[in-house]
Amino acid sequence: MNKQIIVHTDGASRGNPGPAAIGFIIEGLDEKPIERARRIGQTTNNQAEYAALEAALTQLQEREIDGYEVTILTDSQLMAHQLNGLYRVKNADLRPVFERVKEAIRLLNRQNSLTVSAILREQNQQADRLANLALDGHQLV
């Protein structure tokens, strides 16, 4: 595997819970980078983080990628640690989306190598900008 895909994801909530949005960028496919951002209603920041990752994984599944090294980068240390088995998911409201994301990762891992890593917020500025643009009413669907 030498083809690489980098995915930056971010979820944002103004209030906890409050109006929320997601943003993500997928780089490394044969096309130009994919940038998406949209509002997702009222939710918590952690739920928005998972929703952003789930939306990005759906984009990858729709493209039926094969033989890639996929690196998911998020500024949500909690989400990265939960997905890597370091933390348990204690919040019952997060459990359903956590299970869907884990299944999507499992399916993508059949033909690819996928890792989820936490990065500093400063290293995730593009995805953060997209999520905040969506909160302000600008959608990239």
N, C-alpha and C. Protein backbone atom coordinates (compact mmCIF):
# COMPACT_ATOMS: atom_id res chain seq x y z
N MET A 1 0.85 -1.19 0.00
CA MET A 1 0.00 0.00 0.00
C MET A 1 0.88 1.24 0.00
N ASN A 2 0.79 2.01 -1.05
CA ASN A 2 1.56 3.24 -1.09
C ASN A 2 0.70 4.46 -1.41
N LYS A 3 -0.55 4.24 -1.77
CA LYS A 3 -1.46 5.36 -1.98
C LYS A 3 -1.95 5.83 -0.62
N GLN A 4 -1.97 7.15 -0.42
CA GLN A 4 -2.32 7.67 0.89
C GLN A 4 -3.46 8.66 0.80
N ILE A 5 -4.38 8.55 1.74
CA ILE A 5 -5.49 9.49 1.90
C ILE A 5 -5.38 10.08 3.29
N ILE A 6 -5.48 11.41 3.35
CA ILE A 6 -5.49 12.12 4.64
C ILE A 6 -6.87 12.75 4.79
N VAL A 7 -7.49 12.52 5.94
CA VAL A 7 -8.82 13.07 6.22
C VAL A 7 -8.74 13.89 7.50
N HIS A 8 -9.13 15.15 7.40
CA HIS A 8 -9.25 16.02 8.58
C HIS A 8 -10.74 16.18 8.87
N THR A 9 -11.15 15.93 10.12
CA THR A 9 -12.55 16.09 10.49
C THR A 9 -12.69 17.01 11.69
N ASP A 10 -13.84 17.70 11.75
CA ASP A 10 -14.13 18.51 12.94
C ASP A 10 -15.63 18.68 13.08
N GLY A 11 -16.07 18.63 14.31
CA GLY A 11 -17.45 18.94 14.66
C GLY A 11 -17.44 20.13 15.59
N ALA A 12 -18.48 20.94 15.49
CA ALA A 12 -18.56 22.14 16.33
C ALA A 12 -19.98 22.31 16.85
N SER A 13 -20.07 22.78 18.08
CA SER A 13 -21.36 23.04 18.70
C SER A 13 -21.26 24.35 19.46
N ARG A 14 -22.20 25.22 19.22
CA ARG A 14 -22.25 26.49 19.96
C ARG A 14 -23.24 26.32 21.09
N GLY A 15 -22.71 25.97 22.22
CA GLY A 15 -23.51 25.53 23.36
C GLY A 15 -23.28 24.03 23.44
N ASN A 16 -23.59 23.45 24.56
CA ASN A 16 -23.31 22.01 24.68
C ASN A 16 -24.44 21.33 25.46
N PRO A 17 -25.56 20.99 24.84
CA PRO A 17 -25.79 20.98 23.39
C PRO A 17 -26.19 22.35 22.88
N GLY A 18 -26.14 22.47 21.57
CA GLY A 18 -26.51 23.69 20.89
C GLY A 18 -26.47 23.46 19.39
N PRO A 19 -26.65 24.54 18.62
CA PRO A 19 -26.56 24.40 17.16
C PRO A 19 -25.19 23.82 16.81
N ALA A 20 -25.20 22.82 15.92
CA ALA A 20 -23.96 22.11 15.62
C ALA A 20 -23.76 21.97 14.12
N ALA A 21 -22.50 21.73 13.75
CA ALA A 21 -22.15 21.55 12.34
C ALA A 21 -20.92 20.67 12.24
N ILE A 22 -20.69 20.17 11.04
CA ILE A 22 -19.52 19.33 10.77
C ILE A 22 -18.74 19.89 9.59
N GLY A 23 -17.47 19.54 9.55
CA GLY A 23 -16.63 19.87 8.42
C GLY A 23 -15.57 18.80 8.25
N PHE A 24 -15.23 18.49 6.99
CA PHE A 24 -14.14 17.55 6.76
C PHE A 24 -13.51 17.81 5.39
N ILE A 25 -12.27 17.37 5.28
CA ILE A 25 -11.49 17.47 4.04
C ILE A 25 -10.86 16.11 3.80
N ILE A 26 -10.97 15.64 2.56
CA ILE A 26 -10.34 14.38 2.16
C ILE A 26 -9.35 14.71 1.07
N GLU A 27 -8.08 14.38 1.31
CA GLU A 27 -7.01 14.62 0.34
C GLU A 27 -6.35 13.30 -0.04
N GLY A 28 -5.94 13.18 -1.30
CA GLY A 28 -5.20 12.01 -1.72
C GLY A 28 -5.91 11.15 -2.74
N LEU A 29 -7.16 11.45 -3.04
CA LEU A 29 -7.83 10.74 -4.11
C LEU A 29 -7.37 11.34 -5.44
N ASP A 30 -7.73 10.74 -6.53
CA ASP A 30 -7.28 11.23 -7.84
C ASP A 30 -7.87 12.58 -8.20
N GLU A 31 -8.88 12.97 -7.49
CA GLU A 31 -9.53 14.25 -7.76
C GLU A 31 -9.00 15.32 -6.81
N LYS A 32 -9.49 16.54 -6.98
CA LYS A 32 -9.10 17.60 -6.05
C LYS A 32 -9.64 17.28 -4.67
N PRO A 33 -9.11 17.91 -3.61
CA PRO A 33 -9.59 17.62 -2.26
C PRO A 33 -11.10 17.80 -2.15
N ILE A 34 -11.71 16.93 -1.37
CA ILE A 34 -13.15 16.99 -1.11
C ILE A 34 -13.34 17.76 0.18
N GLU A 35 -14.10 18.85 0.12
CA GLU A 35 -14.41 19.65 1.30
C GLU A 35 -15.92 19.66 1.48
N ARG A 36 -16.35 19.32 2.68
CA ARG A 36 -17.78 19.31 2.98
C ARG A 36 -18.02 19.97 4.34
N ALA A 37 -19.15 20.66 4.43
CA ALA A 37 -19.56 21.28 5.69
C ALA A 37 -21.07 21.43 5.67
N ARG A 38 -21.68 21.14 6.80
CA ARG A 38 -23.14 21.32 6.89
C ARG A 38 -23.56 21.36 8.35
N ARG A 39 -24.72 21.98 8.56
CA ARG A 39 -25.32 21.98 9.89
C ARG A 39 -25.93 20.62 10.16
N ILE A 40 -25.97 20.24 11.43
CA ILE A 40 -26.56 18.95 11.79
C ILE A 40 -27.62 19.07 12.88
N GLY A 41 -28.07 20.28 13.17
CA GLY A 41 -29.10 20.47 14.19
C GLY A 41 -28.52 20.72 15.56
N GLN A 42 -29.30 20.40 16.59
CA GLN A 42 -28.91 20.62 17.98
C GLN A 42 -28.24 19.36 18.51
N THR A 43 -27.02 19.49 18.98
CA THR A 43 -26.31 18.33 19.54
C THR A 43 -25.12 18.81 20.36
N THR A 44 -24.43 17.86 20.96
CA THR A 44 -23.24 18.19 21.74
C THR A 44 -22.02 18.24 20.82
N ASN A 45 -20.95 18.80 21.32
CA ASN A 45 -19.72 18.86 20.56
C ASN A 45 -19.19 17.46 20.24
N ASN A 46 -19.23 16.55 21.23
CA ASN A 46 -18.75 15.19 20.98
C ASN A 46 -19.57 14.47 19.92
N GLN A 47 -20.88 14.66 19.95
CA GLN A 47 -21.72 14.06 18.92
C GLN A 47 -21.40 14.65 17.55
N ALA A 48 -21.11 15.94 17.51
CA ALA A 48 -20.75 16.59 16.24
C ALA A 48 -19.42 16.05 15.72
N GLU A 49 -18.47 15.80 16.61
CA GLU A 49 -17.18 15.24 16.19
C GLU A 49 -17.39 13.88 15.51
N TYR A 50 -18.21 13.04 16.12
CA TYR A 50 -18.49 11.73 15.53
C TYR A 50 -19.26 11.86 14.22
N ALA A 51 -20.20 12.80 14.16
CA ALA A 51 -20.98 12.99 12.92
C ALA A 51 -20.06 13.41 11.77
N ALA A 52 -19.07 14.24 12.06
CA ALA A 52 -18.12 14.67 11.03
C ALA A 52 -17.33 13.48 10.50
N LEU A 53 -16.85 12.64 11.41
CA LEU A 53 -16.10 11.46 10.99
C LEU A 53 -16.98 10.50 10.22
N GLU A 54 -18.19 10.29 10.69
CA GLU A 54 -19.11 9.38 9.99
C GLU A 54 -19.37 9.87 8.56
N ALA A 55 -19.56 11.17 8.39
CA ALA A 55 -19.80 11.72 7.05
C ALA A 55 -18.58 11.52 6.14
N ALA A 56 -17.38 11.72 6.68
CA ALA A 56 -16.17 11.52 5.89
C ALA A 56 -16.00 10.06 5.51
N LEU A 57 -16.27 9.15 6.44
CA LEU A 57 -16.16 7.72 6.14
C LEU A 57 -17.17 7.30 5.08
N THR A 58 -18.36 7.89 5.12
CA THR A 58 -19.36 7.61 4.09
C THR A 58 -18.86 8.02 2.71
N GLN A 59 -18.19 9.18 2.63
CA GLN A 59 -17.62 9.62 1.35
C GLN A 59 -16.60 8.60 0.84
N LEU A 60 -15.77 8.09 1.73
CA LEU A 60 -14.77 7.10 1.33
C LEU A 60 -15.43 5.80 0.89
N GLN A 61 -16.46 5.37 1.60
CA GLN A 61 -17.16 4.14 1.23
C GLN A 61 -17.82 4.27 -0.14
N GLU A 62 -18.35 5.44 -0.44
CA GLU A 62 -19.01 5.65 -1.74
C GLU A 62 -18.03 5.57 -2.89
N ARG A 63 -16.76 5.82 -2.63
CA ARG A 63 -15.74 5.77 -3.67
C ARG A 63 -15.10 4.40 -3.81
N GLU A 64 -15.48 3.47 -2.94
CA GLU A 64 -14.99 2.09 -2.99
C GLU A 64 -13.47 2.04 -3.16
N ILE A 65 -12.77 2.70 -2.25
CA ILE A 65 -11.31 2.75 -2.32
C ILE A 65 -10.71 1.39 -1.99
N ASP A 66 -9.54 1.12 -2.55
CA ASP A 66 -8.88 -0.16 -2.36
C ASP A 66 -7.37 0.04 -2.38
N GLY A 67 -6.69 -0.44 -1.35
CA GLY A 67 -5.24 -0.39 -1.31
C GLY A 67 -4.65 0.93 -0.84
N TYR A 68 -5.40 1.69 -0.05
CA TYR A 68 -4.92 2.97 0.45
C TYR A 68 -4.50 2.87 1.91
N GLU A 69 -3.58 3.74 2.29
CA GLU A 69 -3.31 4.02 3.70
C GLU A 69 -4.13 5.26 4.03
N VAL A 70 -5.14 5.09 4.86
CA VAL A 70 -6.05 6.18 5.22
C VAL A 70 -5.71 6.66 6.62
N THR A 71 -5.42 7.94 6.75
CA THR A 71 -5.13 8.54 8.04
C THR A 71 -6.22 9.54 8.37
N ILE A 72 -6.94 9.28 9.45
CA ILE A 72 -7.98 10.19 9.94
C ILE A 72 -7.33 11.05 11.02
N LEU A 73 -7.43 12.36 10.86
CA LEU A 73 -6.87 13.30 11.82
C LEU A 73 -8.00 14.13 12.42
N THR A 74 -8.05 14.17 13.73
CA THR A 74 -9.10 14.89 14.44
C THR A 74 -8.50 15.62 15.63
N ASP A 75 -9.09 16.74 16.00
CA ASP A 75 -8.62 17.42 17.22
C ASP A 75 -9.41 16.95 18.45
N SER A 76 -10.26 15.94 18.26
CA SER A 76 -10.99 15.36 19.38
C SER A 76 -10.19 14.18 19.95
N GLN A 77 -9.44 14.47 21.00
CA GLN A 77 -8.66 13.42 21.64
C GLN A 77 -9.57 12.34 22.20
N LEU A 78 -10.72 12.74 22.73
CA LEU A 78 -11.67 11.78 23.28
C LEU A 78 -12.10 10.79 22.19
N MET A 79 -12.52 11.29 21.04
CA MET A 79 -12.98 10.41 19.97
C MET A 79 -11.86 9.49 19.49
N ALA A 80 -10.67 10.04 19.27
CA ALA A 80 -9.55 9.22 18.81
C ALA A 80 -9.24 8.12 19.81
N HIS A 81 -9.22 8.46 21.09
CA HIS A 81 -8.91 7.46 22.12
C HIS A 81 -10.03 6.41 22.23
N GLN A 82 -11.27 6.83 22.08
CA GLN A 82 -12.36 5.86 22.12
C GLN A 82 -12.27 4.90 20.93
N LEU A 83 -12.02 5.42 19.75
CA LEU A 83 -11.95 4.57 18.56
C LEU A 83 -10.74 3.65 18.57
N ASN A 84 -9.69 4.06 19.25
CA ASN A 84 -8.49 3.23 19.35
C ASN A 84 -8.51 2.31 20.57
N GLY A 85 -9.64 2.29 21.30
CA GLY A 85 -9.79 1.37 22.42
C GLY A 85 -9.11 1.80 23.71
N LEU A 86 -8.63 3.05 23.77
CA LEU A 86 -7.97 3.53 24.99
C LEU A 86 -8.98 4.02 26.03
N TYR A 87 -10.12 4.54 25.56
CA TYR A 87 -11.19 5.00 26.45
C TYR A 87 -12.46 4.26 26.09
N ARG A 88 -13.29 4.03 27.08
CA ARG A 88 -14.62 3.46 26.84
C ARG A 88 -15.58 4.58 26.47
N VAL A 89 -16.65 4.21 25.79
CA VAL A 89 -17.73 5.16 25.49
C VAL A 89 -18.74 5.04 26.62
N LYS A 90 -18.73 6.02 27.51
CA LYS A 90 -19.60 5.98 28.68
C LYS A 90 -20.95 6.65 28.41
N ASN A 91 -20.98 7.59 27.46
CA ASN A 91 -22.18 8.34 27.16
C ASN A 91 -23.11 7.53 26.26
N ALA A 92 -24.29 7.24 26.75
CA ALA A 92 -25.26 6.42 25.99
C ALA A 92 -25.66 7.08 24.68
N ASP A 93 -25.68 8.42 24.63
CA ASP A 93 -26.06 9.11 23.39
C ASP A 93 -24.98 8.98 22.31
N LEU A 94 -23.73 8.76 22.71
CA LEU A 94 -22.64 8.58 21.74
C LEU A 94 -22.55 7.15 21.22
N ARG A 95 -23.05 6.20 21.98
CA ARG A 95 -22.87 4.79 21.63
C ARG A 95 -23.35 4.44 20.22
N PRO A 96 -24.54 4.87 19.76
CA PRO A 96 -24.98 4.48 18.41
C PRO A 96 -24.05 4.98 17.30
N VAL A 97 -23.64 6.24 17.37
CA VAL A 97 -22.76 6.76 16.32
C VAL A 97 -21.37 6.15 16.44
N PHE A 98 -20.92 5.89 17.65
CA PHE A 98 -19.64 5.21 17.84
C PHE A 98 -19.67 3.84 17.15
N GLU A 99 -20.75 3.09 17.34
CA GLU A 99 -20.88 1.76 16.74
C GLU A 99 -20.91 1.85 15.21
N ARG A 100 -21.61 2.84 14.67
CA ARG A 100 -21.66 3.01 13.20
C ARG A 100 -20.29 3.36 12.65
N VAL A 101 -19.57 4.23 13.34
CA VAL A 101 -18.22 4.62 12.90
C VAL A 101 -17.27 3.44 12.98
N LYS A 102 -17.33 2.68 14.08
CA LYS A 102 -16.47 1.49 14.20
C LYS A 102 -16.74 0.49 13.07
N GLU A 103 -18.00 0.31 12.71
CA GLU A 103 -18.35 -0.61 11.62
C GLU A 103 -17.83 -0.08 10.28
N ALA A 104 -17.96 1.21 10.04
CA ALA A 104 -17.45 1.80 8.80
C ALA A 104 -15.93 1.64 8.72
N ILE A 105 -15.25 1.83 9.84
CA ILE A 105 -13.79 1.64 9.88
C ILE A 105 -13.45 0.18 9.60
N ARG A 106 -14.19 -0.74 10.21
CA ARG A 106 -13.95 -2.16 10.00
C ARG A 106 -14.10 -2.52 8.51
N LEU A 107 -15.14 -2.01 7.88
CA LEU A 107 -15.37 -2.30 6.47
C LEU A 107 -14.27 -1.70 5.58
N LEU A 108 -13.87 -0.48 5.87
CA LEU A 108 -12.80 0.15 5.08
C LEU A 108 -11.47 -0.56 5.30
N ASN A 109 -11.27 -1.11 6.47
CA ASN A 109 -10.01 -1.81 6.78
C ASN A 109 -9.88 -3.14 6.04
N ARG A 110 -10.95 -3.62 5.44
CA ARG A 110 -10.88 -4.87 4.68
C ARG A 110 -9.92 -4.75 3.50
N GLN A 111 -9.92 -3.58 2.85
CA GLN A 111 -9.11 -3.38 1.65
C GLN A 111 -8.13 -2.22 1.78
N ASN A 112 -8.03 -1.66 2.96
CA ASN A 112 -7.19 -0.49 3.19
C ASN A 112 -6.59 -0.60 4.59
N SER A 113 -5.67 0.28 4.90
CA SER A 113 -5.13 0.41 6.24
C SER A 113 -5.59 1.75 6.78
N LEU A 114 -6.37 1.76 7.85
CA LEU A 114 -6.95 2.99 8.35
C LEU A 114 -6.53 3.22 9.79
N THR A 115 -6.05 4.43 10.09
CA THR A 115 -5.71 4.83 11.45
C THR A 115 -6.43 6.11 11.82
N VAL A 116 -6.72 6.27 13.10
CA VAL A 116 -7.33 7.49 13.63
C VAL A 116 -6.36 8.07 14.63
N SER A 117 -5.99 9.34 14.44
CA SER A 117 -5.04 10.00 15.33
C SER A 117 -5.56 11.36 15.78
N ALA A 118 -5.26 11.68 17.03
CA ALA A 118 -5.59 13.00 17.56
C ALA A 118 -4.44 13.95 17.24
N ILE A 119 -4.80 15.15 16.81
CA ILE A 119 -3.83 16.20 16.53
C ILE A 119 -4.22 17.45 17.30
N LEU A 120 -3.32 18.40 17.36
CA LEU A 120 -3.63 19.67 18.02
C LEU A 120 -4.65 20.45 17.20
N ARG A 121 -5.41 21.25 17.88
CA ARG A 121 -6.44 22.06 17.21
C ARG A 121 -5.81 22.94 16.12
N GLU A 122 -4.61 23.44 16.38
CA GLU A 122 -3.93 24.31 15.41
C GLU A 122 -3.59 23.56 14.12
N GLN A 123 -3.48 22.24 14.20
CA GLN A 123 -3.18 21.43 13.03
C GLN A 123 -4.43 21.01 12.27
N ASN A 124 -5.58 21.42 12.77
CA ASN A 124 -6.86 21.03 12.17
C ASN A 124 -7.68 22.25 11.75
N GLN A 125 -6.99 23.32 11.42
CA GLN A 125 -7.66 24.59 11.16
C GLN A 125 -8.60 24.57 9.96
N GLN A 126 -8.26 23.83 8.91
CA GLN A 126 -9.13 23.80 7.73
C GLN A 126 -10.48 23.17 8.05
N ALA A 127 -10.48 22.02 8.72
CA ALA A 127 -11.74 21.36 9.07
C ALA A 127 -12.52 22.21 10.07
N ASP A 128 -11.83 22.84 11.02
CA ASP A 128 -12.48 23.72 11.98
C ASP A 128 -13.14 24.90 11.27
N ARG A 129 -12.44 25.46 10.30
CA ARG A 129 -12.99 26.59 9.52
C ARG A 129 -14.27 26.16 8.80
N LEU A 130 -14.25 24.97 8.20
CA LEU A 130 -15.44 24.48 7.49
C LEU A 130 -16.62 24.29 8.43
N ALA A 131 -16.39 23.69 9.58
CA ALA A 131 -17.48 23.48 10.54
C ALA A 131 -18.05 24.81 11.00
N ASN A 132 -17.19 25.79 11.24
CA ASN A 132 -17.68 27.10 11.68
C ASN A 132 -18.39 27.86 10.56
N LEU A 133 -17.94 27.69 9.33
CA LEU A 133 -18.66 28.29 8.19
C LEU A 133 -20.07 27.72 8.12
N ALA A 134 -20.21 26.42 8.32
CA ALA A 134 -21.53 25.80 8.29
C ALA A 134 -22.40 26.34 9.42
N LEU A 135 -21.82 26.52 10.60
CA LEU A 135 -22.58 27.11 11.71
C LEU A 135 -23.07 28.50 11.37
N ASP A 136 -22.29 29.21 10.57
CA ASP A 136 -22.66 30.57 10.16
C ASP A 136 -23.60 30.58 8.96
N GLY A 137 -23.99 29.39 8.47
CA GLY A 137 -24.97 29.32 7.39
C GLY A 137 -24.41 29.02 6.02
N HIS A 138 -23.13 28.75 5.89
CA HIS A 138 -22.53 28.44 4.60
C HIS A 138 -22.33 26.93 4.50
N GLN A 139 -23.05 26.30 3.59
CA GLN A 139 -22.98 24.84 3.45
C GLN A 139 -22.12 24.46 2.25
N LEU A 140 -21.32 23.42 2.39
CA LEU A 140 -20.58 22.81 1.29
C LEU A 140 -20.99 21.35 1.28
N VAL A 141 -21.97 21.02 0.48
CA VAL A 141 -22.53 19.66 0.51
C VAL A 141 -22.00 18.85 -0.66
